[in-house]
Amino acid sequence: MPDAQGATEVQGSAVPDAREATEVRDPAVPGARESTEARRPDSVRAHNTALVLGLLRTGRLVSRADLARETGLSLPTVMDIVERLCAQGLVRQAGSGTPAGGRPPRLYEFTPGSRMALGISIGTATTTALLTDLNATVLHEVREPSRLREGPEACVEQVTRLLDVLLARGAERQGTVIGIGLAVAAHLRDSEGRRLRPWDDPGLAPLDLRALVAERYGVPVDLDNYAKAVAVGEHRFGAARGHRHVLCVVLQDGVGAALITGGALHRGWDGAAGRFGATLVPGPDGERTTLDAVAGAAGIVARAARAMRAASGAADPGAGSSNGAGTSNTADPAGTSGAGSMSPSDPMSPSGARPVRSAASPSSLAEVCAAAEEGNPGAVLALREVGELLGDAVHNACMLADPEVVVLTGPTVVAAGDHLVGPTTRAVTGGGRRRVVTGALGERAGAIGAVALLLRNSFIDPLRVSTG
């Protein structure tokens, strides 16, 4: 183990994993590995434990009888689970309830600070690393310019260095780290082992970052695409918490999306689901183009420049471009739709500097949004048109997937605000019951999502019953 870990205990898994995984971990014996023969009984126990933890992590004080009633498990099973969780420190007794004719029932609560997790979002512009508790409460954060585009060696150096820093912080807290989640700005396929290929040089071999990190640190590691991580984070800890069917749309350099169905992430046939930016939509001149080219940052800037020049009576040098938006179909040149990171240093970050430029020559999304806030008609028109086109695409996706809530997130959503979100929402809801909300995790969405990837099968949240 790296020296930076200090006295931090790094443990195979103290939190149960409800998946039918290759390795099934015994939640009663942290780090233990069960044999193939014992896998099925242990998977049932892990699933039942995740049900109990899912109820406890809602913050309520509950008795064992309450847990049995709400999970449908037998009281002896719940008593065994609670006893094991208390022994691990994941749950503790928190007083007594009101008696119903006998002894007062013991009440229990979840203790998220009993363990820690590491999450890293590796974007095209920024890499963000977090040390959190089991409720994704941030204990320490490191953010710096991303080295992803520099090649595999630079990427590995940055990731391991940041992990060492976080582990050192964990050592100061004398805590136990249960695993590492990684969210990466790249398209990933299960058939390729989710290896990274985000480099322009075809001579560079794909990087198995998940295996490398797991071998170096000896803990469970989960890795997935940025948009999928954000969706799991918003579902587990953010704007879609408690819902079972969620469509999450991420707007930044390109457009990505991910679907939560029945409370689980939908990854598709080869793990590549979510390339929403490749959806074909009409361009301004009636031609077909991609959603990336229209609603990615570069496409919005190009459209706004045309509209602002038209509003000011200037000539349009972008007319006749290949996609009708004043730009070629390269809004996402690295092929990382739905992948990336938000940072104060990014030009489209809501917390970064937003230069005010109302002239008909915007060079960044921040300038377009600033002009719209000032009432520039061209900028307002461009954002509204993009919102309507995005809304049509999201509406079509909703007709296929039938989510109960749509989460719009990413730096473009934060920067453009209701100029874009309003038209999108109207196109999606159409006065119906489906809700459209903006993301709640902000600039940390990718890294918190990485933590959520790691923990997503450790807690099975109770169903939220819709009454509207």
Protein backbone atom coordinates (compact mmCIF):
# COMPACT_ATOMS: atom_id res chain seq x y z
CA MET A 1 0.00 0.00 0.00
CA PRO A 2 1.26 3.54 -0.65
CA ASP A 3 2.81 5.29 2.31
CA ALA A 4 0.26 8.10 2.00
CA GLN A 5 -2.39 5.81 3.39
CA GLY A 6 -0.82 6.09 6.81
CA ALA A 7 -2.98 4.41 9.41
CA THR A 8 -6.11 4.37 7.29
CA GLU A 9 -7.66 0.93 7.34
CA VAL A 10 -8.51 -0.13 3.81
CA GLN A 11 -10.97 -2.92 3.96
CA GLY A 12 -12.45 -5.24 1.35
CA SER A 13 -16.04 -4.36 2.15
CA ALA A 14 -17.81 -3.74 5.39
CA VAL A 15 -20.92 -2.69 3.53
CA PRO A 16 -22.89 -5.50 1.88
CA ASP A 17 -23.15 -5.70 -1.87
CA ALA A 18 -26.51 -6.95 -3.12
CA ARG A 19 -25.23 -7.85 -6.59
CA GLU A 20 -24.87 -11.36 -7.92
CA ALA A 21 -21.18 -10.59 -8.31
CA THR A 22 -18.26 -12.86 -9.12
CA GLU A 23 -16.95 -12.23 -5.64
CA VAL A 24 -19.58 -12.17 -2.94
CA ARG A 25 -18.49 -10.49 0.26
CA ASP A 26 -19.74 -11.59 3.64
CA PRO A 27 -21.04 -8.44 5.38
CA ALA A 28 -20.48 -10.05 8.76
CA VAL A 29 -16.77 -10.59 8.06
CA PRO A 30 -15.28 -7.52 6.35
CA GLY A 31 -13.00 -8.46 3.50
CA ALA A 32 -13.90 -12.15 3.57
CA ARG A 33 -14.53 -13.97 0.30
CA GLU A 34 -17.11 -16.70 0.02
CA SER A 35 -16.67 -19.80 -2.10
CA THR A 36 -18.75 -20.44 -5.20
CA GLU A 37 -20.79 -22.99 -3.28
CA ALA A 38 -21.74 -20.41 -0.66
CA ARG A 39 -22.53 -17.65 -3.14
CA ARG A 40 -26.29 -18.00 -3.40
CA PRO A 41 -27.11 -18.01 0.34
CA ASP A 42 -24.76 -15.12 0.85
CA SER A 43 -26.36 -13.17 -2.01
CA VAL A 44 -29.75 -13.57 -0.33
CA ARG A 45 -28.29 -12.37 2.96
CA ALA A 46 -26.61 -9.40 1.27
CA HIS A 47 -29.88 -8.50 -0.46
CA ASN A 48 -31.81 -8.67 2.80
CA THR A 49 -29.16 -6.61 4.55
CA ALA A 50 -29.36 -3.99 1.80
CA LEU A 51 -33.13 -3.81 2.29
CA VAL A 52 -32.68 -3.12 6.00
CA LEU A 53 -29.94 -0.55 5.41
CA GLY A 54 -32.07 1.14 2.75
CA LEU A 55 -34.76 1.84 5.34
CA LEU A 56 -32.32 2.81 8.08
CA ARG A 57 -30.46 5.32 5.89
CA THR A 58 -33.64 7.38 5.40
CA GLY A 59 -32.79 8.93 8.76
CA ARG A 60 -35.68 7.53 10.74
CA LEU A 61 -35.37 5.82 14.09
CA VAL A 62 -36.99 2.43 13.61
CA SER A 63 -37.56 -0.69 15.64
CA ARG A 64 -36.82 -4.21 14.49
CA ALA A 65 -40.56 -4.84 14.23
CA ASP A 66 -40.88 -1.78 11.97
CA LEU A 67 -38.06 -3.08 9.79
CA ALA A 68 -39.65 -6.50 9.53
CA ARG A 69 -43.03 -5.04 8.60
CA GLU A 70 -41.69 -2.61 6.00
CA THR A 71 -39.21 -4.97 4.35
CA GLY A 72 -41.43 -8.05 4.46
CA LEU A 73 -38.65 -10.04 6.13
CA SER A 74 -39.27 -12.24 9.13
CA LEU A 75 -38.56 -10.78 12.56
CA PRO A 76 -35.81 -13.36 13.34
CA THR A 77 -34.08 -12.47 10.05
CA VAL A 78 -34.23 -8.75 10.84
CA MET A 79 -32.96 -9.34 14.37
CA ASP A 80 -29.95 -11.24 13.00
CA ILE A 81 -29.21 -8.53 10.42
CA VAL A 82 -29.47 -5.71 12.94
CA GLU A 83 -27.23 -7.56 15.38
CA ARG A 84 -24.54 -8.00 12.70
CA LEU A 85 -24.81 -4.37 11.56
CA CYS A 86 -24.46 -3.17 15.14
CA ALA A 87 -21.37 -5.35 15.59
CA GLN A 88 -19.87 -3.73 12.48
CA GLY A 89 -20.71 -0.23 13.69
CA LEU A 90 -22.93 0.49 10.70
CA VAL A 91 -26.03 0.69 12.90
CA ARG A 92 -26.48 1.66 16.54
CA GLN A 93 -29.22 1.67 19.11
CA ALA A 94 -30.68 5.14 19.55
CA GLY A 95 -33.12 4.96 22.42
CA SER A 96 -36.49 3.34 22.95
CA GLY A 97 -39.88 3.80 21.40
CA THR A 98 -43.35 4.05 22.87
CA PRO A 99 -44.46 0.71 24.31
CA ALA A 100 -47.60 -0.93 22.96
CA GLY A 101 -48.63 -2.87 26.00
CA GLY A 102 -45.22 -4.39 26.78
CA ARG A 103 -41.60 -3.38 26.94
CA PRO A 104 -40.65 -0.31 24.90
CA PRO A 105 -39.09 -1.33 21.56
CA ARG A 106 -35.44 -0.56 20.89
CA LEU A 107 -34.92 1.99 18.14
CA TYR A 108 -32.00 1.88 15.71
CA GLU A 109 -30.31 4.33 13.36
CA PHE A 110 -27.79 4.22 10.52
CA THR A 111 -24.26 5.56 11.26
CA PRO A 112 -22.90 6.79 7.90
CA GLY A 113 -19.71 8.09 9.48
CA SER A 114 -18.63 4.59 10.45
CA ARG A 115 -16.98 4.06 7.06
CA MET A 116 -15.54 6.20 4.26
CA ALA A 117 -15.50 5.95 0.46
CA LEU A 118 -13.38 7.55 -2.25
CA GLY A 119 -14.83 8.96 -5.47
CA ILE A 120 -12.99 10.47 -8.43
CA SER A 121 -14.50 12.18 -11.47
CA ILE A 122 -11.99 12.25 -14.34
CA GLY A 123 -13.25 14.83 -16.79
CA THR A 124 -11.82 16.40 -19.91
CA ALA A 125 -11.21 19.69 -18.11
CA THR A 126 -11.12 18.87 -14.40
CA THR A 127 -10.46 15.93 -12.12
CA THR A 128 -12.29 16.02 -8.79
CA ALA A 129 -11.56 13.63 -5.93
CA LEU A 130 -13.70 13.26 -2.80
CA LEU A 131 -13.45 11.49 0.53
CA THR A 132 -17.00 10.94 1.84
CA ASP A 133 -18.97 9.06 4.43
CA LEU A 134 -21.61 6.49 3.45
CA ASN A 135 -24.19 9.25 2.85
CA ALA A 136 -21.82 10.96 0.40
CA THR A 137 -21.20 13.80 2.85
CA VAL A 138 -17.92 15.32 1.66
CA LEU A 139 -15.11 15.08 4.21
CA HIS A 140 -12.30 16.24 1.96
CA GLU A 141 -12.04 17.44 -1.65
CA VAL A 142 -9.21 17.89 -4.14
CA ARG A 143 -9.74 19.45 -7.58
CA GLU A 144 -7.20 20.16 -10.29
CA PRO A 145 -6.94 20.37 -14.10
CA SER A 146 -7.47 16.99 -15.72
CA ARG A 147 -4.61 15.06 -17.32
CA LEU A 148 -6.91 12.62 -19.09
CA ARG A 149 -6.08 13.92 -22.56
CA GLU A 150 -2.33 13.65 -21.90
CA GLY A 151 -2.31 9.87 -22.13
CA PRO A 152 -2.47 6.78 -19.92
CA GLU A 153 0.64 7.44 -17.83
CA ALA A 154 -0.41 10.99 -16.96
CA CYS A 155 -3.94 9.81 -16.13
CA VAL A 156 -2.70 7.05 -13.82
CA GLU A 157 -0.23 9.38 -12.12
CA GLN A 158 -2.94 11.90 -11.34
CA VAL A 159 -5.49 9.36 -10.14
CA THR A 160 -3.11 7.51 -7.82
CA ARG A 161 -1.64 10.74 -6.45
CA LEU A 162 -5.09 12.10 -5.60
CA LEU A 163 -6.13 8.79 -4.06
CA ASP A 164 -3.01 8.85 -1.90
CA VAL A 165 -3.90 12.37 -0.73
CA LEU A 166 -7.42 11.28 0.21
CA LEU A 167 -6.17 8.19 1.99
CA ALA A 168 -3.83 10.35 4.01
CA ARG A 169 -6.80 12.49 5.01
CA GLY A 170 -8.66 9.34 5.94
CA ALA A 171 -5.73 8.31 8.13
CA GLU A 172 -6.06 11.57 10.02
CA ARG A 173 -9.66 10.60 10.78
CA GLN A 174 -8.62 7.07 11.74
CA GLY A 175 -11.31 5.80 9.43
CA THR A 176 -11.94 2.72 7.32
CA VAL A 177 -12.13 3.09 3.55
CA ILE A 178 -14.45 0.55 1.94
CA GLY A 179 -13.68 1.16 -1.73
CA ILE A 180 -13.14 3.51 -4.66
CA GLY A 181 -15.53 4.74 -7.36
CA LEU A 182 -14.32 6.17 -10.67
CA ALA A 183 -16.37 8.22 -13.15
CA VAL A 184 -14.57 8.82 -16.45
CA ALA A 185 -15.20 11.07 -19.44
CA ALA A 186 -15.09 8.25 -21.96
CA HIS A 187 -17.33 5.78 -23.73
CA LEU A 188 -16.92 2.38 -22.08
CA ARG A 189 -17.90 -1.09 -23.21
CA ASP A 190 -18.24 -4.18 -21.06
CA SER A 191 -16.83 -6.34 -23.87
CA GLU A 192 -13.61 -4.33 -23.59
CA GLY A 193 -13.49 -4.59 -19.80
CA ARG A 194 -14.46 -0.90 -19.53
CA ARG A 195 -10.94 0.01 -20.62
CA LEU A 196 -10.32 3.66 -21.46
CA ARG A 197 -9.64 4.84 -25.00
CA PRO A 198 -9.98 8.63 -24.71
CA TRP A 199 -6.72 9.42 -26.53
CA ASP A 200 -6.27 10.61 -30.09
CA ASP A 201 -3.19 8.46 -30.68
CA PRO A 202 -4.38 5.05 -32.01
CA GLY A 203 -1.02 3.59 -31.02
CA LEU A 204 -1.79 3.97 -27.32
CA ALA A 205 -3.09 0.80 -25.72
CA PRO A 206 -6.40 0.96 -23.83
CA LEU A 207 -6.04 1.49 -20.10
CA ASP A 208 -7.61 -0.90 -17.59
CA LEU A 209 -7.79 1.73 -14.89
CA ARG A 210 -10.22 -0.21 -12.73
CA ALA A 211 -7.94 -3.25 -12.48
CA LEU A 212 -4.87 -1.10 -11.89
CA VAL A 213 -6.47 0.82 -9.02
CA ALA A 214 -7.93 -2.35 -7.49
CA GLU A 215 -4.53 -4.07 -7.54
CA ARG A 216 -2.72 -1.06 -6.08
CA TYR A 217 -5.13 -0.40 -3.23
CA GLY A 218 -6.67 -3.80 -2.56
CA VAL A 219 -10.27 -2.60 -2.25
CA PRO A 220 -13.43 -2.94 -4.37
CA VAL A 221 -13.35 -0.53 -7.32
CA ASP A 222 -16.24 0.44 -9.58
CA LEU A 223 -15.80 2.42 -12.79
CA ASP A 224 -18.27 3.77 -15.30
CA ASN A 225 -19.02 6.57 -17.71
CA TYR A 226 -19.55 10.06 -16.29
CA ALA A 227 -23.23 10.39 -17.24
CA LYS A 228 -24.06 7.04 -15.69
CA ALA A 229 -22.26 8.03 -12.49
CA VAL A 230 -24.14 11.33 -12.32
CA ALA A 231 -27.45 9.51 -12.78
CA VAL A 232 -26.67 7.05 -9.99
CA GLY A 233 -25.57 9.93 -7.76
CA GLU A 234 -28.71 11.98 -8.37
CA HIS A 235 -30.82 8.87 -7.82
CA ARG A 236 -29.04 7.84 -4.65
CA PHE A 237 -28.20 11.18 -3.06
CA GLY A 238 -29.67 14.00 -5.13
CA ALA A 239 -32.71 15.30 -6.96
CA ALA A 240 -34.17 11.88 -7.83
CA ARG A 241 -33.70 10.23 -4.46
CA GLY A 242 -36.56 7.87 -3.66
CA HIS A 243 -37.74 7.51 -7.25
CA ARG A 244 -37.41 4.19 -9.05
CA HIS A 245 -37.62 5.26 -12.69
CA VAL A 246 -35.38 8.18 -13.64
CA LEU A 247 -33.98 9.66 -16.83
CA CYS A 248 -30.91 11.83 -16.19
CA VAL A 249 -29.71 14.12 -18.99
CA VAL A 250 -26.26 15.73 -18.69
CA LEU A 251 -25.40 18.79 -20.78
CA GLN A 252 -21.82 19.99 -21.18
CA ASP A 253 -19.35 19.57 -24.09
CA GLY A 254 -21.84 17.08 -25.51
CA VAL A 255 -25.10 15.55 -24.33
CA GLY A 256 -25.20 12.33 -22.34
CA ALA A 257 -27.96 10.49 -20.55
CA ALA A 258 -28.53 7.53 -18.30
CA LEU A 259 -31.61 5.62 -17.25
CA ILE A 260 -32.52 4.26 -13.83
CA THR A 261 -35.28 1.68 -14.14
CA GLY A 262 -36.74 -0.19 -11.21
CA GLY A 263 -34.11 1.46 -9.02
CA ALA A 264 -31.19 0.01 -11.03
CA LEU A 265 -28.88 1.56 -13.61
CA HIS A 266 -29.64 0.45 -17.17
CA ARG A 267 -26.31 -0.22 -18.90
CA GLY A 268 -27.55 -1.83 -22.10
CA TRP A 269 -26.30 -4.82 -24.09
CA ASP A 270 -22.60 -3.91 -23.90
CA GLY A 271 -22.62 -1.28 -21.17
CA ALA A 272 -22.70 1.55 -23.70
CA ALA A 273 -26.24 2.81 -23.14
CA GLY A 274 -26.62 6.56 -22.78
CA ARG A 275 -25.07 8.03 -25.95
CA PHE A 276 -27.96 10.45 -26.12
CA GLY A 277 -25.89 13.01 -28.00
CA ALA A 278 -25.94 10.77 -31.08
CA THR A 279 -29.73 11.19 -31.34
CA LEU A 280 -30.66 12.66 -34.74
CA VAL A 281 -32.54 15.95 -34.64
CA PRO A 282 -33.44 18.58 -37.24
CA GLY A 283 -31.00 21.39 -37.85
CA PRO A 284 -32.03 25.01 -38.50
CA ASP A 285 -32.15 24.44 -42.26
CA GLY A 286 -34.10 21.18 -42.09
CA GLU A 287 -31.10 18.87 -42.40
CA ARG A 288 -30.46 16.06 -39.93
CA THR A 289 -27.76 16.59 -37.35
CA THR A 290 -26.95 15.22 -33.90
CA LEU A 291 -28.12 16.42 -30.53
CA ASP A 292 -24.46 16.91 -29.61
CA ALA A 293 -24.07 19.38 -32.48
CA VAL A 294 -27.18 21.29 -31.39
CA ALA A 295 -27.13 21.16 -27.57
CA GLY A 296 -23.45 20.65 -26.84
CA ALA A 297 -21.60 23.76 -25.69
CA ALA A 298 -20.01 24.48 -29.09
CA GLY A 299 -23.31 24.05 -30.91
CA ILE A 300 -25.10 26.47 -28.57
CA VAL A 301 -22.37 29.08 -29.01
CA ALA A 302 -22.51 28.76 -32.81
CA ARG A 303 -26.31 29.02 -32.89
CA ALA A 304 -26.27 32.01 -30.55
CA ALA A 305 -23.62 33.75 -32.64
CA ARG A 306 -25.81 33.43 -35.73
CA ALA A 307 -28.92 34.62 -33.90
CA MET A 308 -27.10 37.54 -32.27
CA ARG A 309 -25.58 38.63 -35.57
CA ALA A 310 -28.99 38.42 -37.22
CA ALA A 311 -30.51 40.46 -34.40
CA SER A 312 -27.85 43.13 -34.81
CA GLY A 313 -28.11 43.10 -38.62
CA ALA A 314 -24.57 41.77 -39.14
CA ALA A 315 -23.59 39.29 -41.84
CA ASP A 316 -23.56 35.61 -40.89
CA PRO A 317 -20.15 34.08 -41.72
CA GLY A 318 -21.31 30.75 -40.31
CA ALA A 319 -24.11 30.26 -42.81
CA GLY A 320 -23.92 27.15 -44.92
CA SER A 321 -22.06 25.09 -42.35
CA SER A 322 -22.44 21.34 -42.41
CA ASN A 323 -24.91 21.06 -39.56
CA GLY A 324 -26.84 24.28 -39.82
CA ALA A 325 -25.66 25.45 -36.41
CA GLY A 326 -22.60 27.33 -37.58
CA THR A 327 -20.30 24.46 -36.69
CA SER A 328 -19.40 21.03 -37.99
CA ASN A 329 -20.59 17.97 -36.14
CA THR A 330 -17.72 18.12 -33.66
CA ALA A 331 -19.34 19.49 -30.53
CA ASP A 332 -17.85 16.53 -28.71
CA PRO A 333 -14.50 15.96 -30.49
CA ALA A 334 -13.23 13.43 -27.97
CA GLY A 335 -16.35 11.30 -28.19
CA THR A 336 -17.20 11.88 -24.55
CA SER A 337 -20.87 12.82 -24.63
CA GLY A 338 -22.26 12.80 -21.16
CA ALA A 339 -18.76 12.64 -19.72
CA GLY A 340 -16.74 15.31 -18.09
CA SER A 341 -16.65 17.47 -15.01
CA MET A 342 -17.65 20.87 -13.74
CA SER A 343 -15.11 23.14 -12.18
CA PRO A 344 -14.85 26.79 -11.19
CA SER A 345 -11.99 27.06 -13.68
CA ASP A 346 -14.07 25.78 -16.58
CA PRO A 347 -15.34 28.57 -18.88
CA MET A 348 -18.94 27.39 -18.55
CA SER A 349 -18.87 26.76 -14.80
CA PRO A 350 -21.62 28.57 -12.89
CA SER A 351 -19.16 29.55 -10.17
CA GLY A 352 -16.40 30.69 -12.51
CA ALA A 353 -15.99 34.12 -14.03
CA ARG A 354 -18.74 34.94 -16.54
CA PRO A 355 -17.55 37.74 -18.82
CA VAL A 356 -20.40 39.94 -19.94
CA ARG A 357 -20.41 40.26 -23.70
CA SER A 358 -23.59 41.27 -25.42
CA ALA A 359 -22.01 41.92 -28.80
CA ALA A 360 -22.82 39.53 -31.65
CA SER A 361 -19.60 37.53 -31.28
CA PRO A 362 -19.82 35.20 -28.29
CA SER A 363 -16.87 32.86 -27.93
CA SER A 364 -18.06 30.76 -24.98
CA LEU A 365 -21.21 29.43 -23.42
CA ALA A 366 -20.68 31.75 -20.47
CA GLU A 367 -20.86 34.75 -22.81
CA VAL A 368 -24.03 33.48 -24.45
CA CYS A 369 -25.71 32.98 -21.09
CA ALA A 370 -24.55 36.38 -19.83
CA ALA A 371 -26.00 38.00 -22.96
CA ALA A 372 -29.29 36.18 -22.43
CA GLU A 373 -29.43 37.44 -18.86
CA GLU A 374 -28.96 40.96 -20.18
CA GLY A 375 -31.91 40.41 -22.53
CA ASN A 376 -30.05 40.03 -25.81
CA PRO A 377 -32.81 38.75 -28.13
CA GLY A 378 -30.48 36.59 -30.21
CA ALA A 379 -29.03 34.83 -27.18
CA VAL A 380 -32.47 34.33 -25.65
CA LEU A 381 -33.80 32.94 -28.95
CA ALA A 382 -30.87 30.54 -29.37
CA LEU A 383 -31.23 29.10 -25.87
CA ARG A 384 -34.98 28.75 -26.31
CA GLU A 385 -34.56 26.92 -29.63
CA VAL A 386 -31.99 24.56 -28.13
CA GLY A 387 -34.29 23.97 -25.16
CA GLU A 388 -37.17 23.08 -27.47
CA LEU A 389 -35.05 20.70 -29.58
CA LEU A 390 -33.65 19.10 -26.44
CA GLY A 391 -37.16 18.86 -25.03
CA ASP A 392 -38.38 17.02 -28.12
CA ALA A 393 -35.51 14.52 -27.85
CA VAL A 394 -36.10 14.00 -24.14
CA HIS A 395 -39.84 13.65 -24.75
CA ASN A 396 -39.15 10.88 -27.27
CA ALA A 397 -36.90 9.12 -24.77
CA CYS A 398 -39.63 9.41 -22.13
CA MET A 399 -42.15 7.80 -24.43
CA LEU A 400 -39.84 4.79 -24.69
CA ALA A 401 -38.60 4.56 -21.09
CA ASP A 402 -41.56 6.04 -19.13
CA PRO A 403 -39.57 7.62 -16.27
CA GLU A 404 -41.43 9.26 -13.41
CA VAL A 405 -38.86 12.05 -13.15
CA VAL A 406 -36.36 13.62 -15.55
CA VAL A 407 -33.22 15.21 -14.10
CA LEU A 408 -31.52 17.91 -16.17
CA THR A 409 -27.99 18.58 -15.00
CA GLY A 410 -24.53 19.63 -16.09
CA PRO A 411 -22.75 22.97 -16.41
CA THR A 412 -24.87 24.02 -19.40
CA VAL A 413 -28.07 23.62 -17.38
CA VAL A 414 -26.63 25.63 -14.48
CA ALA A 415 -25.31 28.40 -16.74
CA ALA A 416 -28.33 28.74 -19.03
CA GLY A 417 -30.97 28.36 -16.33
CA ASP A 418 -34.61 28.81 -17.27
CA HIS A 419 -33.74 30.18 -20.72
CA LEU A 420 -33.05 26.54 -21.66
CA VAL A 421 -34.66 24.52 -18.87
CA GLY A 422 -38.07 26.19 -19.27
CA PRO A 423 -38.62 25.23 -22.92
CA THR A 424 -37.24 21.75 -22.28
CA THR A 425 -39.57 21.23 -19.33
CA ARG A 426 -42.64 22.36 -21.26
CA ALA A 427 -41.83 20.01 -24.13
CA VAL A 428 -41.33 17.05 -21.78
CA THR A 429 -44.21 17.46 -19.35
CA GLY A 430 -46.92 18.81 -21.62
CA GLY A 431 -49.08 19.35 -18.56
CA GLY A 432 -48.79 15.69 -17.54
CA ARG A 433 -47.69 14.09 -14.28
CA ARG A 434 -44.04 13.54 -15.24
CA ARG A 435 -41.72 15.87 -13.34
CA VAL A 436 -38.63 17.63 -14.66
CA VAL A 437 -36.11 18.77 -12.06
CA THR A 438 -32.61 20.17 -12.14
CA GLY A 439 -29.74 18.28 -10.57
CA ALA A 440 -28.93 18.80 -6.91
CA LEU A 441 -25.27 17.75 -6.76
CA GLY A 442 -23.70 20.68 -8.61
CA GLU A 443 -20.00 20.66 -9.48
CA ARG A 444 -19.43 17.54 -7.39
CA ALA A 445 -21.98 15.50 -9.35
CA GLY A 446 -19.40 13.29 -11.07
CA ALA A 447 -17.35 12.51 -7.98
CA ILE A 448 -20.39 11.95 -5.75
CA GLY A 449 -21.75 9.80 -8.55
CA ALA A 450 -18.53 7.79 -8.43
CA VAL A 451 -19.14 7.14 -4.73
CA ALA A 452 -22.73 6.22 -5.56
CA LEU A 453 -21.48 3.71 -8.15
CA LEU A 454 -19.51 2.01 -5.41
CA LEU A 455 -22.42 1.98 -2.95
CA ARG A 456 -25.35 1.56 -5.31
CA ASN A 457 -26.01 -2.07 -4.40
CA SER A 458 -25.36 -1.72 -0.68
CA PHE A 459 -28.67 0.03 0.00
CA ILE A 460 -32.06 -0.82 -1.49
CA ASP A 461 -34.17 2.28 -1.00
CA PRO A 462 -37.84 1.95 -0.07
CA LEU A 463 -40.32 2.64 -2.84
CA ARG A 464 -41.68 6.14 -3.12
CA VAL A 465 -45.43 5.94 -3.70
CA SER A 466 -46.63 8.56 -6.17
CA THR A 467 -49.80 10.37 -5.10
CA GLY A 468 -49.93 13.00 -7.81
